[in-house]
Amino acid sequence: MMHYSCDLCGKDMAEGAEERYVLNMEVAAAHDPTALTEDDLDADHLEELGQLIEEDVDLEPTPRRSAFRYDLCGGCHAKFLADPLGREAMKFEFSAN
């Protein structure tokens, strides 16, 4: 039997005993491609790639995407839906002293 607990409040959720929600989040870098110009189309990119390979340049892109998985109990699921970015937690209330 799998053991589940809420990743926000830590509540123990026995398999099938209570509603359990799975939250999958993916964060990726925004990519706004620039417009192609005639110079871009005229360039010999194969030659440029050949030169990079000869120079043994690392062509691997850096990871710009992250994925996360969380288990939530019913209460934390409702709280997450009401405020997914946690903005309420960032508000401060000051006294009138």
PDB file of N, CA and C in Angstrom:
ATOM      1  N   MET A   1       0.839  -1.178   0.000  1.00  0.00           N
ATOM      2  CA  MET A   1       0.000   0.000   0.000  1.00  0.00           C
ATOM      3  C   MET A   1       0.886   1.244   0.000  1.00  0.00           C
ATOM      4  N   MET A   2       0.543   2.180  -0.867  1.00  0.00           N
ATOM      5  CA  MET A   2       1.292   3.431  -0.947  1.00  0.00           C
ATOM      6  C   MET A   2       0.895   4.358   0.204  1.00  0.00           C
ATOM      7  N   HIS A   3       1.876   5.094   0.685  1.00  0.00           N
ATOM      8  CA  HIS A   3       1.627   6.080   1.726  1.00  0.00           C
ATOM      9  C   HIS A   3       1.593   7.454   1.068  1.00  0.00           C
ATOM     10  N   TYR A   4       0.556   8.210   1.353  1.00  0.00           N
ATOM     11  CA  TYR A   4       0.440   9.561   0.832  1.00  0.00           C
ATOM     12  C   TYR A   4       0.270  10.524   1.992  1.00  0.00           C
ATOM     13  N   SER A   5       0.906  11.664   1.861  1.00  0.00           N
ATOM     14  CA  SER A   5       0.686  12.751   2.803  1.00  0.00           C
ATOM     15  C   SER A   5       0.632  14.048   2.001  1.00  0.00           C
ATOM     16  N   CYS A   6      -0.100  15.004   2.523  1.00  0.00           N
ATOM     17  CA  CYS A   6      -0.252  16.284   1.836  1.00  0.00           C
ATOM     18  C   CYS A   6       1.088  17.015   1.854  1.00  0.00           C
ATOM     19  N   ASP A   7       1.510  17.473   0.698  1.00  0.00           N
ATOM     20  CA  ASP A   7       2.792  18.166   0.599  1.00  0.00           C
ATOM     21  C   ASP A   7       2.743  19.584   1.164  1.00  0.00           C
ATOM     22  N   LEU A   8       1.556  20.106   1.469  1.00  0.00           N
ATOM     23  CA  LEU A   8       1.470  21.431   2.074  1.00  0.00           C
ATOM     24  C   LEU A   8       1.334  21.361   3.591  1.00  0.00           C
ATOM     25  N   CYS A   9       0.360  20.595   4.082  1.00  0.00           N
ATOM     26  CA  CYS A   9       0.114  20.585   5.529  1.00  0.00           C
ATOM     27  C   CYS A   9       0.663  19.349   6.223  1.00  0.00           C
ATOM     28  N   GLY A  10       1.068  18.334   5.466  1.00  0.00           N
ATOM     29  CA  GLY A  10       1.635  17.134   6.058  1.00  0.00           C
ATOM     30  C   GLY A  10       0.608  16.114   6.517  1.00  0.00           C
ATOM     31  N   LYS A  11      -0.664  16.387   6.292  1.00  0.00           N
ATOM     32  CA  LYS A  11      -1.731  15.477   6.729  1.00  0.00           C
ATOM     33  C   LYS A  11      -1.555  14.106   6.079  1.00  0.00           C
ATOM     34  N   ASP A  12      -1.715  13.049   6.888  1.00  0.00           N
ATOM     35  CA  ASP A  12      -1.618  11.685   6.393  1.00  0.00           C
ATOM     36  C   ASP A  12      -2.886  11.367   5.606  1.00  0.00           C
ATOM     37  N   MET A  13      -2.719  10.875   4.387  1.00  0.00           N
ATOM     38  CA  MET A  13      -3.858  10.524   3.552  1.00  0.00           C
ATOM     39  C   MET A  13      -3.735   9.057   3.162  1.00  0.00           C
ATOM     40  N   ALA A  14      -4.458   8.209   3.855  1.00  0.00           N
ATOM     41  CA  ALA A  14      -4.438   6.787   3.532  1.00  0.00           C
ATOM     42  C   ALA A  14      -5.053   6.595   2.150  1.00  0.00           C
ATOM     43  N   GLU A  15      -4.500   5.674   1.383  1.00  0.00           N
ATOM     44  CA  GLU A  15      -4.956   5.440   0.015  1.00  0.00           C
ATOM     45  C   GLU A  15      -6.450   5.128  -0.006  1.00  0.00           C
ATOM     46  N   GLY A  16      -7.214   5.941  -0.700  1.00  0.00           N
ATOM     47  CA  GLY A  16      -8.634   5.743  -0.856  1.00  0.00           C
ATOM     48  C   GLY A  16      -9.483   6.239   0.301  1.00  0.00           C
ATOM     49  N   ALA A  17      -8.884   6.664   1.420  1.00  0.00           N
ATOM     50  CA  ALA A  17      -9.659   7.069   2.591  1.00  0.00           C
ATOM     51  C   ALA A  17     -10.207   8.487   2.459  1.00  0.00           C
ATOM     52  N   GLU A  18      -9.493   9.362   1.799  1.00  0.00           N
ATOM     53  CA  GLU A  18      -9.911  10.758   1.677  1.00  0.00           C
ATOM     54  C   GLU A  18      -9.592  11.218   0.267  1.00  0.00           C
ATOM     55  N   GLU A  19     -10.276  12.275  -0.145  1.00  0.00           N
ATOM     56  CA  GLU A  19      -9.946  12.839  -1.450  1.00  0.00           C
ATOM     57  C   GLU A  19      -8.491  13.266  -1.456  1.00  0.00           C
ATOM     58  N   ARG A  20      -7.817  12.881  -2.497  1.00  0.00           N
ATOM     59  CA  ARG A  20      -6.414  13.255  -2.664  1.00  0.00           C
ATOM     60  C   ARG A  20      -6.287  13.851  -4.046  1.00  0.00           C
ATOM     61  N   TYR A  21      -5.595  14.946  -4.146  1.00  0.00           N
ATOM     62  CA  TYR A  21      -5.420  15.628  -5.420  1.00  0.00           C
ATOM     63  C   TYR A  21      -3.948  15.619  -5.791  1.00  0.00           C
ATOM     64  N   VAL A  22      -3.680  15.481  -7.078  1.00  0.00           N
ATOM     65  CA  VAL A  22      -2.312  15.535  -7.582  1.00  0.00           C
ATOM     66  C   VAL A  22      -2.172  16.831  -8.363  1.00  0.00           C
ATOM     67  N   LEU A  23      -1.196  17.617  -7.973  1.00  0.00           N
ATOM     68  CA  LEU A  23      -0.916  18.891  -8.629  1.00  0.00           C
ATOM     69  C   LEU A  23       0.361  18.725  -9.428  1.00  0.00           C
ATOM     70  N   ASN A  24       0.263  18.878 -10.749  1.00  0.00           N
ATOM     71  CA  ASN A  24       1.430  18.841 -11.628  1.00  0.00           C
ATOM     72  C   ASN A  24       1.680  20.254 -12.125  1.00  0.00           C
ATOM     73  N   MET A  25       2.890  20.734 -11.911  1.00  0.00           N
ATOM     74  CA  MET A  25       3.246  22.082 -12.351  1.00  0.00           C
ATOM     75  C   MET A  25       4.459  21.995 -13.263  1.00  0.00           C
ATOM     76  N   GLU A  26       4.450  22.837 -14.270  1.00  0.00           N
ATOM     77  CA  GLU A  26       5.595  22.919 -15.172  1.00  0.00           C
ATOM     78  C   GLU A  26       5.945  24.382 -15.347  1.00  0.00           C
ATOM     79  N   VAL A  27       7.207  24.678 -15.206  1.00  0.00           N
ATOM     80  CA  VAL A  27       7.694  26.037 -15.368  1.00  0.00           C
ATOM     81  C   VAL A  27       8.705  26.015 -16.508  1.00  0.00           C
ATOM     82  N   ALA A  28       8.487  26.871 -17.489  1.00  0.00           N
ATOM     83  CA  ALA A  28       9.384  26.913 -18.648  1.00  0.00           C
ATOM     84  C   ALA A  28       9.740  28.362 -18.965  1.00  0.00           C
ATOM     85  N   ALA A  29      10.931  28.543 -19.450  1.00  0.00           N
ATOM     86  CA  ALA A  29      11.360  29.883 -19.850  1.00  0.00           C
ATOM     87  C   ALA A  29      10.533  30.329 -21.051  1.00  0.00           C
ATOM     88  N   ALA A  30      10.103  31.574 -21.017  1.00  0.00           N
ATOM     89  CA  ALA A  30       9.340  32.122 -22.136  1.00  0.00           C
ATOM     90  C   ALA A  30      10.282  32.350 -23.313  1.00  0.00           C
ATOM     91  N   HIS A  31       9.792  32.048 -24.477  1.00  0.00           N
ATOM     92  CA  HIS A  31      10.607  32.239 -25.673  1.00  0.00           C
ATOM     93  C   HIS A  31       9.802  33.060 -26.665  1.00  0.00           C
ATOM     94  N   ASP A  32      10.269  34.242 -26.911  1.00  0.00           N
ATOM     95  CA  ASP A  32       9.631  35.106 -27.889  1.00  0.00           C
ATOM     96  C   ASP A  32      10.563  35.214 -29.087  1.00  0.00           C
ATOM     97  N   PRO A  33      10.335  34.392 -30.103  1.00  0.00           N
ATOM     98  CA  PRO A  33      11.248  34.404 -31.247  1.00  0.00           C
ATOM     99  C   PRO A  33      11.204  35.750 -31.965  1.00  0.00           C
ATOM    100  N   THR A  34      12.350  36.134 -32.439  1.00  0.00           N
ATOM    101  CA  THR A  34      12.426  37.368 -33.210  1.00  0.00           C
ATOM    102  C   THR A  34      12.029  37.069 -34.649  1.00  0.00           C
ATOM    103  N   ALA A  35      11.699  38.089 -35.371  1.00  0.00           N
ATOM    104  CA  ALA A  35      11.293  37.915 -36.766  1.00  0.00           C
ATOM    105  C   ALA A  35      12.502  37.543 -37.613  1.00  0.00           C
ATOM    106  N   LEU A  36      12.279  36.669 -38.565  1.00  0.00           N
ATOM    107  CA  LEU A  36      13.352  36.297 -39.500  1.00  0.00           C
ATOM    108  C   LEU A  36      13.565  37.416 -40.505  1.00  0.00           C
ATOM    109  N   THR A  37      14.810  37.630 -40.838  1.00  0.00           N
ATOM    110  CA  THR A  37      15.144  38.618 -41.858  1.00  0.00           C
ATOM    111  C   THR A  37      15.720  37.896 -43.070  1.00  0.00           C
ATOM    112  N   GLU A  38      15.872  38.611 -44.145  1.00  0.00           N
ATOM    113  CA  GLU A  38      16.471  38.035 -45.349  1.00  0.00           C
ATOM    114  C   GLU A  38      17.908  37.568 -45.074  1.00  0.00           C
ATOM    115  N   ASP A  39      18.630  38.299 -44.227  1.00  0.00           N
ATOM    116  CA  ASP A  39      20.001  37.907 -43.880  1.00  0.00           C
ATOM    117  C   ASP A  39      20.017  36.557 -43.160  1.00  0.00           C
ATOM    118  N   ASP A  40      19.015  36.310 -42.299  1.00  0.00           N
ATOM    119  CA  ASP A  40      18.929  35.020 -41.614  1.00  0.00           C
ATOM    120  C   ASP A  40      18.749  33.885 -42.612  1.00  0.00           C
ATOM    121  N   LEU A  41      17.936  34.124 -43.601  1.00  0.00           N
ATOM    122  CA  LEU A  41      17.660  33.083 -44.589  1.00  0.00           C
ATOM    123  C   LEU A  41      18.844  32.855 -45.522  1.00  0.00           C
ATOM    124  N   ASP A  42      19.627  33.887 -45.753  1.00  0.00           N
ATOM    125  CA  ASP A  42      20.769  33.766 -46.660  1.00  0.00           C
ATOM    126  C   ASP A  42      21.994  33.156 -45.996  1.00  0.00           C
ATOM    127  N   ALA A  43      22.060  33.168 -44.683  1.00  0.00           N
ATOM    128  CA  ALA A  43      23.244  32.675 -43.974  1.00  0.00           C
ATOM    129  C   ALA A  43      23.388  31.163 -44.157  1.00  0.00           C
ATOM    130  N   ASP A  44      24.653  30.708 -44.233  1.00  0.00           N
ATOM    131  CA  ASP A  44      24.943  29.281 -44.377  1.00  0.00           C
ATOM    132  C   ASP A  44      25.130  28.691 -42.975  1.00  0.00           C
ATOM    133  N   HIS A  45      24.050  28.217 -42.398  1.00  0.00           N
ATOM    134  CA  HIS A  45      24.095  27.700 -41.034  1.00  0.00           C
ATOM    135  C   HIS A  45      24.831  26.370 -40.947  1.00  0.00           C
ATOM    136  N   LEU A  46      24.840  25.602 -42.024  1.00  0.00           N
ATOM    137  CA  LEU A  46      25.575  24.331 -42.015  1.00  0.00           C
ATOM    138  C   LEU A  46      27.063  24.578 -41.829  1.00  0.00           C
ATOM    139  N   GLU A  47      27.563  25.604 -42.467  1.00  0.00           N
ATOM    140  CA  GLU A  47      28.985  25.929 -42.322  1.00  0.00           C
ATOM    141  C   GLU A  47      29.287  26.345 -40.879  1.00  0.00           C
ATOM    142  N   GLU A  48      28.391  27.152 -40.293  1.00  0.00           N
ATOM    143  CA  GLU A  48      28.577  27.576 -38.908  1.00  0.00           C
ATOM    144  C   GLU A  48      28.566  26.376 -37.961  1.00  0.00           C
ATOM    145  N   LEU A  49      27.641  25.435 -38.167  1.00  0.00           N
ATOM    146  CA  LEU A  49      27.586  24.237 -37.336  1.00  0.00           C
ATOM    147  C   LEU A  49      28.847  23.402 -37.489  1.00  0.00           C
ATOM    148  N   GLY A  50      29.337  23.289 -38.718  1.00  0.00           N
ATOM    149  CA  GLY A  50      30.572  22.546 -38.962  1.00  0.00           C
ATOM    150  C   GLY A  50      31.739  23.143 -38.188  1.00  0.00           C
ATOM    151  N   GLN A  51      31.815  24.464 -38.164  1.00  0.00           N
ATOM    152  CA  GLN A  51      32.890  25.127 -37.431  1.00  0.00           C
ATOM    153  C   GLN A  51      32.762  24.873 -35.928  1.00  0.00           C
ATOM    154  N   LEU A  52      31.545  24.918 -35.414  1.00  0.00           N
ATOM    155  CA  LEU A  52      31.333  24.666 -33.985  1.00  0.00           C
ATOM    156  C   LEU A  52      31.726  23.234 -33.621  1.00  0.00           C
ATOM    157  N   ILE A  53      31.388  22.290 -34.485  1.00  0.00           N
ATOM    158  CA  ILE A  53      31.742  20.893 -34.227  1.00  0.00           C
ATOM    159  C   ILE A  53      33.254  20.717 -34.251  1.00  0.00           C
ATOM    160  N   GLU A  54      33.925  21.346 -35.196  1.00  0.00           N
ATOM    161  CA  GLU A  54      35.390  21.271 -35.272  1.00  0.00           C
ATOM    162  C   GLU A  54      36.034  21.862 -34.020  1.00  0.00           C
ATOM    163  N   GLU A  55      35.427  22.909 -33.488  1.00  0.00           N
ATOM    164  CA  GLU A  55      35.963  23.557 -32.294  1.00  0.00           C
ATOM    165  C   GLU A  55      35.531  22.821 -31.029  1.00  0.00           C
ATOM    166  N   ASP A  56      34.736  21.763 -31.179  1.00  0.00           N
ATOM    167  CA  ASP A  56      34.243  20.953 -30.068  1.00  0.00           C
ATOM    168  C   ASP A  56      33.496  21.817 -29.049  1.00  0.00           C
ATOM    169  N   VAL A  57      32.599  22.653 -29.536  1.00  0.00           N
ATOM    170  CA  VAL A  57      31.798  23.523 -28.685  1.00  0.00           C
ATOM    171  C   VAL A  57      30.619  22.725 -28.157  1.00  0.00           C
ATOM    172  N   ASP A  58      30.304  22.886 -26.884  1.00  0.00           N
ATOM    173  CA  ASP A  58      29.174  22.208 -26.264  1.00  0.00           C
ATOM    174  C   ASP A  58      27.879  22.798 -26.817  1.00  0.00           C
ATOM    175  N   LEU A  59      27.121  21.995 -27.565  1.00  0.00           N
ATOM    176  CA  LEU A  59      25.888  22.466 -28.179  1.00  0.00           C
ATOM    177  C   LEU A  59      24.653  22.155 -27.337  1.00  0.00           C
ATOM    178  N   GLU A  60      24.845  21.545 -26.162  1.00  0.00           N
ATOM    179  CA  GLU A  60      23.719  21.199 -25.305  1.00  0.00           C
ATOM    180  C   GLU A  60      23.121  22.465 -24.703  1.00  0.00           C
ATOM    181  N   PRO A  61      21.820  22.671 -24.873  1.00  0.00           N
ATOM    182  CA  PRO A  61      21.196  23.836 -24.244  1.00  0.00           C
ATOM    183  C   PRO A  61      21.062  23.621 -22.741  1.00  0.00           C
ATOM    184  N   THR A  62      21.066  24.705 -22.018  1.00  0.00           N
ATOM    185  CA  THR A  62      20.871  24.601 -20.569  1.00  0.00           C
ATOM    186  C   THR A  62      19.395  24.332 -20.304  1.00  0.00           C
ATOM    187  N   PRO A  63      19.085  23.536 -19.282  1.00  0.00           N
ATOM    188  CA  PRO A  63      17.674  23.252 -19.011  1.00  0.00           C
ATOM    189  C   PRO A  63      16.934  24.520 -18.625  1.00  0.00           C
ATOM    190  N   ARG A  64      15.814  24.739 -19.271  1.00  0.00           N
ATOM    191  CA  ARG A  64      15.017  25.927 -19.003  1.00  0.00           C
ATOM    192  C   ARG A  64      13.588  25.528 -18.677  1.00  0.00           C
ATOM    193  N   ARG A  65      13.435  24.289 -18.211  1.00  0.00           N
ATOM    194  CA  ARG A  65      12.114  23.760 -17.899  1.00  0.00           C
ATOM    195  C   ARG A  65      12.208  22.927 -16.635  1.00  0.00           C
ATOM    196  N   SER A  66      11.259  23.100 -15.754  1.00  0.00           N
ATOM    197  CA  SER A  66      11.202  22.321 -14.522  1.00  0.00           C
ATOM    198  C   SER A  66       9.789  21.795 -14.352  1.00  0.00           C
ATOM    199  N   ALA A  67       9.680  20.592 -13.817  1.00  0.00           N
ATOM    200  CA  ALA A  67       8.370  20.000 -13.555  1.00  0.00           C
ATOM    201  C   ALA A  67       8.312  19.568 -12.097  1.00  0.00           C
ATOM    202  N   PHE A  68       7.148  19.749 -11.488  1.00  0.00           N
ATOM    203  CA  PHE A  68       6.956  19.419 -10.088  1.00  0.00           C
ATOM    204  C   PHE A  68       5.655  18.647  -9.934  1.00  0.00           C
ATOM    205  N   ARG A  69       5.601  17.759  -8.940  1.00  0.00           N
ATOM    206  CA  ARG A  69       4.395  16.983  -8.637  1.00  0.00           C
ATOM    207  C   ARG A  69       4.166  17.039  -7.131  1.00  0.00           C
ATOM    208  N   TYR A  70       2.939  17.382  -6.735  1.00  0.00           N
ATOM    209  CA  TYR A  70       2.593  17.481  -5.332  1.00  0.00           C
ATOM    210  C   TYR A  70       1.279  16.736  -5.072  1.00  0.00           C
ATOM    211  N   ASP A  71       1.160  16.138  -3.889  1.00  0.00           N
ATOM    212  CA  ASP A  71      -0.093  15.546  -3.430  1.00  0.00           C
ATOM    213  C   ASP A  71      -0.725  16.530  -2.453  1.00  0.00           C
ATOM    214  N   LEU A  72      -2.027  16.784  -2.630  1.00  0.00           N
ATOM    215  CA  LEU A  72      -2.734  17.728  -1.771  1.00  0.00           C
ATOM    216  C   LEU A  72      -3.975  17.079  -1.177  1.00  0.00           C
ATOM    217  N   CYS A  73      -4.260  17.384   0.078  1.00  0.00           N
ATOM    218  CA  CYS A  73      -5.514  16.950   0.701  1.00  0.00           C
ATOM    219  C   CYS A  73      -6.626  17.868   0.190  1.00  0.00           C
ATOM    220  N   GLY A  74      -7.870  17.550   0.520  1.00  0.00           N
ATOM    221  CA  GLY A  74      -8.998  18.349   0.052  1.00  0.00           C
ATOM    222  C   GLY A  74      -8.936  19.802   0.499  1.00  0.00           C
ATOM    223  N   GLY A  75      -8.552  20.042   1.752  1.00  0.00           N
ATOM    224  CA  GLY A  75      -8.474  21.411   2.262  1.00  0.00           C
ATOM    225  C   GLY A  75      -7.406  22.244   1.561  1.00  0.00           C
ATOM    226  N   CYS A  76      -6.228  21.656   1.393  1.00  0.00           N
ATOM    227  CA  CYS A  76      -5.135  22.389   0.734  1.00  0.00           C
ATOM    228  C   CYS A  76      -5.416  22.571  -0.751  1.00  0.00           C
ATOM    229  N   HIS A  77      -6.129  21.627  -1.345  1.00  0.00           N
ATOM    230  CA  HIS A  77      -6.526  21.748  -2.751  1.00  0.00           C
ATOM    231  C   HIS A  77      -7.414  22.976  -2.927  1.00  0.00           C
ATOM    232  N   ALA A  78      -8.398  23.145  -2.036  1.00  0.00           N
ATOM    233  CA  ALA A  78      -9.293  24.299  -2.109  1.00  0.00           C
ATOM    234  C   ALA A  78      -8.519  25.598  -1.896  1.00  0.00           C
ATOM    235  N   LYS A  79      -7.594  25.608  -0.930  1.00  0.00           N
ATOM    236  CA  LYS A  79      -6.776  26.802  -0.688  1.00  0.00           C
ATOM    237  C   LYS A  79      -5.922  27.137  -1.895  1.00  0.00           C
ATOM    238  N   PHE A  80      -5.345  26.111  -2.528  1.00  0.00           N
ATOM    239  CA  PHE A  80      -4.506  26.345  -3.703  1.00  0.00           C
ATOM    240  C   PHE A  80      -5.325  26.940  -4.842  1.00  0.00           C
ATOM    241  N   LEU A  81      -6.523  26.395  -5.071  1.00  0.00           N
ATOM    242  CA  LEU A  81      -7.359  26.917  -6.151  1.00  0.00           C
ATOM    243  C   LEU A  81      -7.773  28.362  -5.905  1.00  0.00           C
ATOM    244  N   ALA A  82      -7.981  28.723  -4.640  1.00  0.00           N
ATOM    245  CA  ALA A  82      -8.375  30.088  -4.302  1.00  0.00           C
ATOM    246  C   ALA A  82      -7.223  31.079  -4.462  1.00  0.00           C
ATOM    247  N   ASP A  83      -5.995  30.632  -4.267  1.00  0.00           N
ATOM    248  CA  ASP A  83      -4.829  31.529  -4.315  1.00  0.00           C
ATOM    249  C   ASP A  83      -3.596  30.763  -4.807  1.00  0.00           C
ATOM    250  N   PRO A  84      -3.555  30.395  -6.101  1.00  0.00           N
ATOM    251  CA  PRO A  84      -2.470  29.534  -6.587  1.00  0.00           C
ATOM    252  C   PRO A  84      -1.061  30.133  -6.483  1.00  0.00           C
ATOM    253  N   LEU A  85      -0.946  31.444  -6.477  1.00  0.00           N
ATOM    254  CA  LEU A  85       0.375  32.062  -6.394  1.00  0.00           C
ATOM    255  C   LEU A  85       0.746  32.471  -4.973  1.00  0.00           C
ATOM    256  N   GLY A  86      -0.100  32.202  -4.013  1.00  0.00           N
ATOM    257  CA  GLY A  86       0.201  32.526  -2.621  1.00  0.00           C
ATOM    258  C   GLY A  86       0.267  34.011  -2.347  1.00  0.00           C
ATOM    259  N   ARG A  87      -0.506  34.798  -3.054  1.00  0.00           N
ATOM    260  CA  ARG A  87      -0.453  36.251  -2.881  1.00  0.00           C
ATOM    261  C   ARG A  87      -0.971  36.695  -1.522  1.00  0.00           C
ATOM    262  N   GLU A  88      -1.955  35.991  -0.986  1.00  0.00           N
ATOM    263  CA  GLU A  88      -2.491  36.359   0.337  1.00  0.00           C
ATOM    264  C   GLU A  88      -1.412  36.248   1.407  1.00  0.00           C
ATOM    265  N   ALA A  89      -0.544  35.261   1.294  1.00  0.00           N
ATOM    266  CA  ALA A  89       0.511  35.067   2.292  1.00  0.00           C
ATOM    267  C   ALA A  89       1.537  36.198   2.258  1.00  0.00           C
ATOM    268  N   MET A  90       1.610  36.929   1.151  1.00  0.00           N
ATOM    269  CA  MET A  90       2.598  37.997   1.010  1.00  0.00           C
ATOM    270  C   MET A  90       2.065  39.350   1.459  1.00  0.00           C
ATOM    271  N   LYS A  91       0.775  39.419   1.803  1.00  0.00           N
ATOM    272  CA  LYS A  91       0.201  40.692   2.244  1.00  0.00           C
ATOM    273  C   LYS A  91       0.521  40.915   3.713  1.00  0.00           C
ATOM    274  N   PHE A  92       0.852  42.149   4.060  1.00  0.00           N
ATOM    275  CA  PHE A  92       1.161  42.509   5.427  1.00  0.00           C
ATOM    276  C   PHE A  92       0.099  43.467   5.926  1.00  0.00           C
ATOM    277  N   GLU A  93      -0.304  43.294   7.167  1.00  0.00           N
ATOM    278  CA  GLU A  93      -1.237  44.227   7.784  1.00  0.00           C
ATOM    279  C   GLU A  93      -0.520  44.890   8.954  1.00  0.00           C
ATOM    280  N   PHE A  94      -0.464  46.204   8.935  1.00  0.00           N
ATOM    281  CA  PHE A  94       0.205  46.951   9.966  1.00  0.00           C
ATOM    282  C   PHE A  94      -0.829  47.598  10.885  1.00  0.00           C
ATOM    283  N   SER A  95      -0.506  47.664  12.166  1.00  0.00           N
ATOM    284  CA  SER A  95      -1.403  48.301  13.107  1.00  0.00           C
ATOM    285  C   SER A  95      -1.323  49.824  12.942  1.00  0.00           C
ATOM    286  N   ALA A  96      -2.308  50.495  13.470  1.00  0.00           N
ATOM    287  CA  ALA A  96      -2.369  51.957  13.358  1.00  0.00           C
ATOM    288  C   ALA A  96      -1.610  52.648  14.485  1.00  0.00           C
ATOM    289  N   ASN A  97      -0.645  52.023  15.099  1.00  0.00           N
ATOM    290  CA  ASN A  97       0.106  52.621  16.210  1.00  0.00           C
ATOM    291  C   ASN A  97       0.857  53.830  15.769  1.00  0.00           C
TER     292      ASN A  97
END
